[in-house]
Each structure stands twice: as C-alpha cells, then as structure tokens.
Amino acid sequence: MELKKNIQEKAKSYSEKFIQIRRHLHAHPELSYQEFETSKFVQKQLQDMGIAFDIIATTGVLGIIKGKNPDSRVIALRADMDALQITEENQVSYCSQNVGVMHACGHDVHTTLLLGAAQILHELRGEWEGTIKLLFQPGEEKNPGGASFMIRGGALENPKPAGIIALHVHPGLDFGKLSFRKGRVMASADEIYMTIKGKGGHAAAPQLTADTILIASQLIVSLQQIISRNNNPLSPSVLSICSIQGGHTTNVIPTEVKLKGTFRAMDEVWRYKAHELIRKQAYGIVESMGGELDLLIDVGYPTVDNDPVFTENNWQLANNFMGKENVQETEVRMGAEDFGYYTQQIPGCFFRLGVRNEEKGIIHNVHTPQFDIDERAIETGIGIMAWLGAQSGL
C-alpha cells in the first residue's frame, strides 16, 4: 500500500507540470511519421529525468527503466504521438499553432501521461520489481501504423515484455473514471480506393458515354448489400464510402470518378472474405456498365484483442488504485487502433481514460475540431499508468 500512496502523491504533485507539458504538445502537433520535434521533446524530457532511451522507427522513442530484480518481470507501456489533419476551433491559450493540424485524438495526452508515469516510476524504482519499457510511437493514425515499425525495430525484444499496456482518452466517460474490457475490443480497419474510368462526354448525350457518375452511384449502393446480405448480423461490420471526387460542371460527364472509403470488421475470417466480395462486385458492376475500374484495398490494422487474464489483472489493479466505483466496463468500438499489432505478438491491455466534463462543455468526440479534455484527467492518467507499470503481470 505504501507504493500506491507514493504514486498517488507524486501524480498529484506533478499534475501541474504535466498539464503544461500537455499544453505544449497540443500547441505543436505533427502529422503521422513527421513527429520530429515531438520526438526531440520526448527525448529531452527523458534525458532530464535520467532515463535511458533509443530512437527507433525514425521518430519513435524507446525508453527503459529498471527496478529491483530487473530480470524478474518486463512490462511495456505505450503512447502514440501523432496528430490529425484537422483545423482546431477551440479558443484556448494552447490552441494548435500548426494551421490545419490538431491533436484531435488525444495523442498529446497519451504522450504526456507516459512521460509522467516514467518520471514517477524512475523516482520510485527502488520500490517495484522488474523492468519497464516505454514505447513512444509514431504514426498511429496512418497506414501501415507506427506500431508495425516499432515492432520491426525491436521494441518488443531484448528484453521481451510479458505484456503491453496502453490507454486512450474517452470523451464519453467522465474525468476520474476508467473503463476496461476483456477480449476483442476494437475492429480491424482497411482503406478502399477506387477509380472508375469511362468515356466522358456531353451530359445531353449520355448514350455516347460510359456515365462514371452513375456507375459510382450504383456501386456505392450495391456495396452496402455485401454487409447486409453476406455478413453474420451478430458480428459487427461497417463499409463506408467517405469521398467522391469527379466532375467539375453541370453539363459534362467526367471520364473519371474516384471513391475512397473504409471497411471495418470484428471477425478476421469475414474480413478477408469481404475483400473478395468487394472486388468481385465492384469489377462486375463497373464493367457491366461500360467502365473500367482500378481498385486498391489497403489492408490496415488488425482487431485489438485484450488478453483476458492480463486485462483482468490490470482491471483489478485499477479497482484497487481508483476505487471500484470509478472503474467500469467499456464498450466494443468499430474504431481501429494499431495497438492490435502488439496484441498479435504479446498479451495486451488497452483501456479508456475518462476526460469528459459537461459543466465545462468538454463533450466533443475525438477527430472533431472542438475536441478537448478536462485536464484533471492528467493526474488520473499519470497515476494509473505508473501503478499498472509497477504492479502489472500475468
């Protein structure tokens, strides 16, 4: 119990410091695989703390903290660092200074929390057993996912962790709360790119053309039937076409229309069956209507699967640290996370940190221009990451 008290006290005493660090990161967002200044900032913080680290995956940072008996237990803690191509609309002192780029998914928070946990764990390294690996990861928001590069760079080797832990801000959950779920918790995600080509021409003479706009319309509607008529309705799956680009005026049928979309699934077998159905249906429709099709299904992140035993252990630790009334079960989400790559390699636990405060108007979802957090969640997040790092195991 003394370790828990020490972590809680340090999290409280350091909360203002790390609120300021979060504000700095929020004001200086960088896109996926371009996190050069963010990486330097993380390196400087670790260096000032006296924590050893290496640079991997170009902008990734891999830190290591050794406690008592460092070979007895190895646990990895992970945070992502990249931002999104969104123009921030918040009127705050720490608003993004990089126009068109925003930390709209909370990765500034994740990085801050791991830095805070690192400082606490390093200072209390004589009070816990084993070794902690700190993974500051680039490129979570963009295929093929920075996690894949971190793994390729050896982040899970020498020494190999027994498990890996990460959290994500949850704007649907009040600050001061956590949520966990065992088993499959997030979907796979693949990107779909289609280019429909055909003979264009005058809109008044469609019989002389292959109407690419009409073909695209038929294709979009038809693709939805792949989900509704082929997938088991008890297994969630989503196909969304999110971009249509074609044509520039009212009286010309264009020679080309581009479609972009995403496909999500909670079943890996169905996932790849659906890829074949999409290809077959797309080529069939386009060619039957006189067009040509270029199709790319860019295979992305796998499902995120929380190891039941590892997650249960962390859940119970969270109950002990936070009080059981502040820890609940999180929902299954069709969103995706490249944390799934880690859970394919070693047991993982991916949980949620509440950041919502309706009284302050902090209610907006991630990936929106108004997203923000109740900064009191910083203290909670630092504390729980340090506690799980120090106590977690299988």
Protein backbone atom coordinates (compact mmCIF):
# COMPACT_ATOMS: atom_id res chain seq x y z
CA MET A 1 0.00 0.00 0.00
CA GLU A 2 2.94 2.33 0.53
CA LEU A 3 3.79 2.21 -3.19
CA LYS A 4 0.22 3.10 -4.14
CA LYS A 5 0.24 6.06 -1.77
CA ASN A 6 3.60 7.26 -3.09
CA ILE A 7 2.42 7.05 -6.71
CA GLN A 8 -0.81 8.91 -5.91
CA GLU A 9 1.06 11.65 -4.08
CA LYS A 10 3.58 12.08 -6.88
CA ALA A 11 0.84 12.11 -9.54
CA LYS A 12 -0.88 14.89 -7.64
CA SER A 13 2.29 16.90 -7.06
CA TYR A 14 3.37 16.60 -10.71
CA SER A 15 -0.06 17.22 -12.25
CA GLU A 16 0.51 20.92 -12.97
CA LYS A 17 3.90 20.22 -14.55
CA PHE A 18 2.41 17.68 -16.91
CA ILE A 19 -0.63 19.80 -17.70
CA GLN A 20 1.85 22.34 -19.03
CA ILE A 21 3.67 19.63 -20.98
CA ARG A 22 0.36 18.50 -22.49
CA ARG A 23 -0.43 22.10 -23.49
CA HIS A 24 2.96 22.42 -25.17
CA LEU A 25 2.39 19.22 -27.14
CA HIS A 26 -1.15 20.26 -28.02
CA ALA A 27 0.07 23.60 -29.37
CA HIS A 28 2.72 21.93 -31.54
CA PRO A 29 1.06 18.97 -33.29
CA GLU A 30 2.74 17.00 -36.05
CA LEU A 31 1.25 14.61 -38.58
CA SER A 32 1.92 10.87 -38.75
CA TYR A 33 5.58 9.96 -39.41
CA GLN A 34 6.51 13.65 -39.18
CA GLU A 35 6.79 13.81 -35.38
CA PHE A 36 10.39 15.08 -35.43
CA GLU A 37 10.02 17.93 -32.93
CA THR A 38 7.70 15.90 -30.73
CA SER A 39 10.28 13.11 -30.65
CA LYS A 40 13.03 15.56 -29.71
CA PHE A 41 10.82 16.95 -26.95
CA VAL A 42 10.19 13.46 -25.55
CA GLN A 43 13.90 12.66 -25.73
CA LYS A 44 14.74 15.86 -23.84
CA GLN A 45 12.23 15.05 -21.10
CA LEU A 46 13.60 11.53 -20.65
CA GLN A 47 17.15 12.83 -20.67
CA ASP A 48 16.31 15.37 -17.95
CA MET A 49 14.73 12.57 -15.89
CA GLY A 50 17.84 10.42 -16.26
CA ILE A 51 16.02 7.68 -18.21
CA ALA A 52 17.94 5.78 -20.89
CA PHE A 53 16.39 5.60 -24.35
CA ASP A 54 16.98 4.72 -28.00
CA ILE A 55 15.47 6.14 -31.18
CA ILE A 56 13.67 3.60 -33.37
CA ALA A 57 11.22 3.74 -36.28
CA THR A 58 12.72 7.15 -37.28
CA THR A 59 10.72 9.26 -34.80
CA GLY A 60 9.89 6.63 -32.19
CA VAL A 61 11.50 6.64 -28.77
CA LEU A 62 12.11 3.51 -26.69
CA GLY A 63 12.91 4.17 -23.03
CA ILE A 64 13.78 1.69 -20.31
CA ILE A 65 13.51 1.85 -16.52
CA LYS A 66 14.92 -0.87 -14.30
CA GLY A 67 13.53 -1.50 -10.86
CA LYS A 68 14.59 -4.11 -8.33
CA ASN A 69 15.47 -7.51 -9.82
CA PRO A 70 15.12 -6.18 -13.39
CA ASP A 71 15.01 -9.64 -14.99
CA SER A 72 12.05 -10.77 -12.88
CA ARG A 73 9.32 -9.01 -14.85
CA VAL A 74 9.17 -6.93 -18.06
CA ILE A 75 6.14 -4.80 -18.92
CA ALA A 76 5.74 -2.35 -21.83
CA LEU A 77 3.79 0.92 -21.65
CA ARG A 78 2.88 2.56 -24.95
CA ALA A 79 1.79 6.04 -26.08
CA ASP A 80 1.22 7.42 -29.58
CA MET A 81 2.45 10.87 -30.62
CA ASP A 82 0.92 11.90 -33.97
CA ALA A 83 -1.84 14.40 -34.71
CA LEU A 84 -4.58 14.75 -37.35
CA GLN A 85 -5.15 16.95 -40.39
CA ILE A 86 -7.89 19.00 -38.72
CA THR A 87 -8.12 22.75 -38.12
CA GLU A 88 -8.72 23.39 -34.43
CA GLU A 89 -11.72 25.52 -33.42
CA ASN A 90 -11.09 25.70 -29.68
CA GLN A 91 -10.44 29.16 -28.26
CA VAL A 92 -7.79 28.22 -25.71
CA SER A 93 -4.32 29.50 -24.89
CA TYR A 94 -2.78 26.22 -26.03
CA CYS A 95 -4.61 26.07 -29.37
CA SER A 96 -2.67 24.48 -32.23
CA GLN A 97 -0.03 26.75 -33.72
CA ASN A 98 0.32 24.49 -36.74
CA VAL A 99 -2.54 25.53 -39.00
CA GLY A 100 -4.54 22.61 -40.30
CA VAL A 101 -3.03 20.13 -37.83
CA MET A 102 -4.55 19.29 -34.44
CA HIS A 103 -4.23 16.82 -31.60
CA ALA A 104 -7.88 15.88 -32.06
CA CYS A 105 -7.46 12.29 -30.87
CA GLY A 106 -5.68 12.92 -27.59
CA HIS A 107 -2.25 11.65 -28.51
CA ASP A 108 -0.77 14.72 -26.83
CA VAL A 109 -2.43 13.46 -23.65
CA HIS A 110 -1.18 9.90 -24.14
CA THR A 111 2.40 11.10 -24.61
CA THR A 112 2.14 13.35 -21.57
CA LEU A 113 0.81 10.56 -19.37
CA LEU A 114 3.58 8.18 -20.33
CA LEU A 115 6.16 10.86 -19.59
CA GLY A 116 4.55 11.48 -16.21
CA ALA A 117 4.38 7.79 -15.41
CA ALA A 118 8.02 7.44 -16.47
CA GLN A 119 9.14 10.11 -14.04
CA ILE A 120 7.26 8.51 -11.15
CA LEU A 121 8.45 5.00 -11.96
CA HIS A 122 12.03 6.17 -12.30
CA GLU A 123 11.96 8.02 -8.97
CA LEU A 124 10.35 5.04 -7.21
CA ARG A 125 12.43 2.37 -8.96
CA GLY A 126 13.62 1.02 -5.63
CA GLU A 127 10.03 0.19 -4.65
CA TRP A 128 8.92 -2.10 -7.50
CA GLU A 129 10.22 -5.22 -9.25
CA GLY A 130 11.26 -5.73 -12.83
CA THR A 131 11.79 -3.61 -15.95
CA ILE A 132 9.52 -1.13 -17.74
CA LYS A 133 9.83 -0.42 -21.46
CA LEU A 134 8.44 2.92 -22.61
CA LEU A 135 7.18 2.98 -26.21
CA PHE A 136 6.61 6.47 -27.63
CA GLN A 137 5.20 5.57 -31.01
CA PRO A 138 4.77 7.50 -34.28
CA GLY A 139 2.08 7.15 -36.91
CA GLU A 140 -0.91 5.57 -35.19
CA GLU A 141 -3.31 7.48 -37.43
CA LYS A 142 -1.99 6.32 -40.78
CA ASN A 143 -1.39 3.01 -42.51
CA PRO A 144 0.60 0.87 -42.12
CA GLY A 145 0.67 2.04 -38.49
CA GLY A 146 3.66 3.10 -36.43
CA ALA A 147 3.22 0.06 -34.20
CA SER A 148 4.33 -2.15 -37.07
CA PHE A 149 7.53 -0.13 -37.41
CA MET A 150 8.17 -0.18 -33.67
CA ILE A 151 7.83 -3.97 -33.65
CA ARG A 152 10.09 -4.27 -36.69
CA GLY A 153 12.61 -2.04 -34.93
CA GLY A 154 12.80 -4.42 -31.98
CA ALA A 155 10.60 -2.66 -29.42
CA LEU A 156 9.28 -5.99 -28.17
CA GLU A 157 12.67 -7.71 -27.95
CA ASN A 158 15.75 -7.67 -25.71
CA PRO A 159 14.07 -7.93 -23.29
CA LYS A 160 10.68 -9.20 -24.46
CA PRO A 161 7.79 -7.85 -22.39
CA ALA A 162 5.33 -10.25 -20.78
CA GLY A 163 2.57 -7.80 -21.67
CA ILE A 164 1.88 -4.34 -23.06
CA ILE A 165 -0.47 -1.66 -21.70
CA ALA A 166 -1.91 1.47 -23.32
CA LEU A 167 -4.81 3.80 -22.71
CA HIS A 168 -6.93 6.09 -24.85
CA VAL A 169 -8.84 9.20 -23.84
CA HIS A 170 -12.60 8.65 -23.79
CA PRO A 171 -14.76 11.79 -24.25
CA GLY A 172 -17.87 9.76 -23.45
CA LEU A 173 -16.58 8.95 -19.97
CA ASP A 174 -16.37 11.46 -17.12
CA PHE A 175 -12.94 12.50 -15.87
CA GLY A 176 -11.84 10.49 -12.86
CA LYS A 177 -13.22 7.29 -14.40
CA LEU A 178 -11.61 4.35 -16.25
CA SER A 179 -13.09 1.56 -18.35
CA PHE A 180 -11.75 -1.87 -19.33
CA ARG A 181 -12.94 -4.75 -21.48
CA LYS A 182 -11.61 -8.27 -21.90
CA GLY A 183 -11.33 -9.89 -25.32
CA ARG A 184 -11.95 -8.20 -28.66
CA VAL A 185 -12.49 -4.50 -28.10
CA MET A 186 -11.84 -2.73 -31.44
CA ALA A 187 -12.29 -3.54 -35.12
CA SER A 188 -9.89 -4.14 -37.97
CA ALA A 189 -9.63 -1.31 -40.49
CA ASP A 190 -8.87 -1.39 -44.21
CA GLU A 191 -8.83 1.50 -46.67
CA ILE A 192 -10.58 1.27 -50.04
CA TYR A 193 -9.53 3.29 -53.08
CA MET A 194 -11.47 3.05 -56.38
CA THR A 195 -11.03 4.88 -59.66
CA ILE A 196 -13.86 4.45 -62.17
CA LYS A 197 -12.88 5.31 -65.74
CA GLY A 198 -15.06 5.68 -68.79
CA LYS A 199 -15.73 7.62 -71.97
CA GLY A 200 -16.95 11.03 -70.90
CA GLY A 201 -18.94 13.47 -72.92
CA HIS A 202 -21.85 15.88 -73.12
CA ALA A 203 -24.49 15.46 -70.45
CA ALA A 204 -27.19 15.84 -73.11
CA ALA A 205 -25.93 12.73 -74.93
CA PRO A 206 -25.38 10.10 -72.21
CA GLN A 207 -25.83 7.30 -74.75
CA LEU A 208 -22.44 8.23 -76.18
CA THR A 209 -20.67 7.90 -72.81
CA ALA A 210 -19.99 5.49 -70.00
CA ASP A 211 -21.53 7.55 -67.22
CA THR A 212 -18.95 7.35 -64.45
CA ILE A 213 -21.12 9.30 -62.01
CA LEU A 214 -23.99 6.85 -62.44
CA ILE A 215 -21.64 3.89 -62.22
CA ALA A 216 -20.20 5.26 -58.97
CA SER A 217 -23.70 5.75 -57.58
CA GLN A 218 -24.75 2.21 -58.40
CA LEU A 219 -21.52 0.87 -56.95
CA ILE A 220 -21.85 2.70 -53.64
CA VAL A 221 -25.40 1.46 -53.08
CA SER A 222 -24.55 -2.07 -54.16
CA LEU A 223 -21.53 -2.36 -51.89
CA GLN A 224 -23.72 -1.86 -48.81
CA GLN A 225 -25.51 -5.11 -49.65
CA ILE A 226 -22.27 -7.01 -49.17
CA ILE A 227 -22.51 -6.21 -45.46
CA SER A 228 -26.28 -6.61 -45.05
CA ARG A 229 -26.62 -9.83 -47.07
CA ASN A 230 -23.36 -11.69 -46.53
CA ASN A 231 -22.10 -10.89 -43.05
CA ASN A 232 -23.42 -12.54 -39.91
CA PRO A 233 -25.58 -9.77 -38.37
CA LEU A 234 -24.35 -10.80 -34.91
CA SER A 235 -20.81 -9.82 -35.90
CA PRO A 236 -20.45 -6.04 -36.40
CA SER A 237 -19.07 -4.81 -39.72
CA VAL A 238 -19.10 -1.45 -41.48
CA LEU A 239 -18.33 -0.32 -45.03
CA SER A 240 -18.40 3.45 -45.54
CA ILE A 241 -17.57 5.35 -48.72
CA CYS A 242 -16.41 8.71 -47.42
CA SER A 243 -15.14 10.56 -50.50
CA ILE A 244 -16.44 11.05 -54.05
CA GLN A 245 -14.37 13.10 -56.48
CA GLY A 246 -15.46 13.53 -60.06
CA GLY A 247 -16.77 16.16 -62.40
CA HIS A 248 -16.46 19.93 -62.34
CA THR A 249 -19.53 21.36 -64.02
CA THR A 250 -23.23 20.80 -64.76
CA ASN A 251 -23.13 19.53 -68.34
CA VAL A 252 -20.08 17.27 -68.69
CA ILE A 253 -20.00 13.61 -67.76
CA PRO A 254 -16.46 13.12 -66.40
CA THR A 255 -14.03 10.50 -67.65
CA GLU A 256 -13.03 9.59 -64.11
CA VAL A 257 -14.56 9.36 -60.64
CA LYS A 258 -12.59 8.48 -57.50
CA LEU A 259 -14.06 6.86 -54.39
CA LYS A 260 -12.42 6.42 -51.01
CA GLY A 261 -13.72 4.56 -48.02
CA THR A 262 -13.09 2.29 -45.08
CA PHE A 263 -14.05 -1.25 -44.18
CA ARG A 264 -14.26 -2.37 -40.55
CA ALA A 265 -14.81 -5.85 -39.12
CA MET A 266 -14.72 -7.69 -35.80
CA ASP A 267 -14.05 -11.08 -37.43
CA GLU A 268 -10.76 -11.66 -39.21
CA VAL A 269 -12.12 -14.53 -41.34
CA TRP A 270 -15.07 -12.46 -42.54
CA ARG A 271 -12.72 -9.53 -43.09
CA TYR A 272 -10.81 -11.25 -45.88
CA LYS A 273 -13.90 -12.91 -47.34
CA ALA A 274 -15.42 -9.43 -47.63
CA HIS A 275 -12.36 -8.20 -49.53
CA GLU A 276 -13.02 -10.82 -52.22
CA LEU A 277 -16.73 -9.95 -52.36
CA ILE A 278 -15.92 -6.24 -52.71
CA ARG A 279 -13.54 -6.95 -55.57
CA LYS A 280 -15.94 -9.27 -57.38
CA GLN A 281 -18.93 -6.96 -57.04
CA ALA A 282 -17.05 -3.77 -57.87
CA TYR A 283 -15.45 -5.08 -61.05
CA GLY A 284 -18.69 -6.73 -62.12
CA ILE A 285 -20.80 -3.59 -61.78
CA VAL A 286 -18.30 -1.21 -63.33
CA GLU A 287 -17.52 -3.43 -66.31
CA SER A 288 -21.17 -4.30 -66.93
CA MET A 289 -21.94 -0.58 -67.22
CA GLY A 290 -19.15 0.07 -69.71
CA GLY A 291 -16.48 1.40 -67.39
CA GLU A 292 -13.06 0.35 -66.17
CA LEU A 293 -12.00 0.04 -62.55
CA ASP A 294 -8.78 0.45 -60.61
CA LEU A 295 -9.26 -0.93 -57.10
CA LEU A 296 -6.94 -0.97 -54.11
CA ILE A 297 -7.88 -2.47 -50.74
CA ASP A 298 -5.09 -1.28 -48.47
CA VAL A 299 -5.03 -3.81 -45.65
CA GLY A 300 -4.70 -1.94 -42.38
CA TYR A 301 -4.84 -2.59 -38.66
CA PRO A 302 -5.98 -5.90 -37.17
CA THR A 303 -8.55 -6.15 -34.40
CA VAL A 304 -7.48 -5.15 -30.90
CA ASP A 305 -7.72 -8.18 -28.64
CA ASN A 306 -7.25 -7.63 -24.92
CA ASP A 307 -5.78 -10.71 -23.29
CA PRO A 308 -8.47 -11.87 -20.81
CA VAL A 309 -6.10 -12.81 -17.97
CA PHE A 310 -3.76 -9.84 -18.37
CA THR A 311 -6.67 -7.41 -18.67
CA GLU A 312 -8.48 -8.90 -15.67
CA ASN A 313 -5.33 -8.43 -13.58
CA ASN A 314 -4.98 -4.82 -14.68
CA TRP A 315 -8.69 -4.21 -14.11
CA GLN A 316 -8.38 -5.42 -10.52
CA LEU A 317 -5.30 -3.27 -10.02
CA ALA A 318 -7.27 -0.28 -11.30
CA ASN A 319 -10.09 -1.06 -8.86
CA ASN A 320 -7.53 -1.05 -6.07
CA PHE A 321 -5.95 2.23 -7.20
CA MET A 322 -9.08 4.16 -8.20
CA GLY A 323 -11.85 2.55 -6.18
CA LYS A 324 -14.14 0.01 -7.84
CA GLU A 325 -16.91 2.60 -8.27
CA ASN A 326 -14.67 4.54 -10.66
CA VAL A 327 -13.86 1.64 -12.98
CA GLN A 328 -16.38 0.17 -15.40
CA GLU A 329 -16.66 -1.98 -18.49
CA THR A 330 -16.03 -0.18 -21.77
CA GLU A 331 -17.99 -0.73 -24.94
CA VAL A 332 -16.94 -2.51 -28.12
CA ARG A 333 -15.97 0.03 -30.79
CA MET A 334 -15.80 -0.11 -34.57
CA GLY A 335 -12.91 2.31 -34.41
CA ALA A 336 -9.47 0.86 -35.02
CA GLU A 337 -6.07 1.11 -33.33
CA ASP A 338 -2.69 -0.15 -34.44
CA PHE A 339 -2.26 -1.37 -30.85
CA GLY A 340 -3.73 -4.52 -32.43
CA TYR A 341 -0.31 -5.28 -33.89
CA TYR A 342 1.12 -5.51 -30.38
CA THR A 343 -1.69 -7.78 -29.18
CA GLN A 344 -0.83 -10.18 -32.01
CA GLN A 345 2.66 -10.53 -30.52
CA ILE A 346 2.20 -10.43 -26.74
CA PRO A 347 -0.68 -10.13 -24.23
CA GLY A 348 -2.13 -6.64 -24.29
CA CYS A 349 -4.46 -4.43 -22.26
CA PHE A 350 -5.97 -1.37 -23.95
CA PHE A 351 -8.24 0.67 -21.65
CA ARG A 352 -10.02 4.03 -21.55
CA LEU A 353 -9.42 7.21 -19.55
CA GLY A 354 -12.40 9.48 -18.95
CA VAL A 355 -11.89 13.13 -19.96
CA ARG A 356 -15.48 14.42 -20.19
CA ASN A 357 -16.92 17.36 -18.23
CA GLU A 358 -20.36 18.50 -19.34
CA GLU A 359 -20.40 21.51 -16.99
CA LYS A 360 -17.34 22.90 -18.77
CA GLY A 361 -18.65 21.99 -22.23
CA ILE A 362 -15.96 19.35 -22.70
CA ILE A 363 -18.22 16.94 -24.55
CA HIS A 364 -16.87 16.72 -28.11
CA ASN A 365 -15.74 13.47 -29.61
CA VAL A 366 -12.27 12.66 -30.90
CA HIS A 367 -11.48 13.60 -34.52
CA THR A 368 -13.53 16.81 -34.24
CA PRO A 369 -12.24 20.43 -34.30
CA GLN A 370 -13.67 21.06 -30.80
CA PHE A 371 -12.16 18.07 -29.00
CA ASP A 372 -10.55 18.86 -25.65
CA ILE A 373 -10.18 17.28 -22.21
CA ASP A 374 -10.77 18.11 -18.58
CA GLU A 375 -7.13 18.49 -17.60
CA ARG A 376 -7.76 16.98 -14.18
CA ALA A 377 -7.63 13.68 -16.07
CA ILE A 378 -3.86 14.21 -16.37
CA GLU A 379 -3.33 13.37 -12.70
CA THR A 380 -5.54 10.28 -13.01
CA GLY A 381 -3.77 9.09 -16.15
CA ILE A 382 -0.25 9.57 -14.82
CA GLY A 383 -1.11 7.74 -11.65
CA ILE A 384 -2.82 4.73 -13.21
CA MET A 385 -0.13 4.24 -15.86
CA ALA A 386 2.59 4.33 -13.19
CA TRP A 387 0.62 1.96 -10.93
CA LEU A 388 -0.05 -0.58 -13.67
CA GLY A 389 3.55 -0.34 -14.84
CA ALA A 390 4.81 -1.06 -11.34
CA GLN A 391 2.36 -3.84 -10.45
CA SER A 392 1.03 -5.45 -13.62
CA GLY A 393 1.77 -9.01 -14.61
CA LEU A 394 0.32 -12.31 -15.78
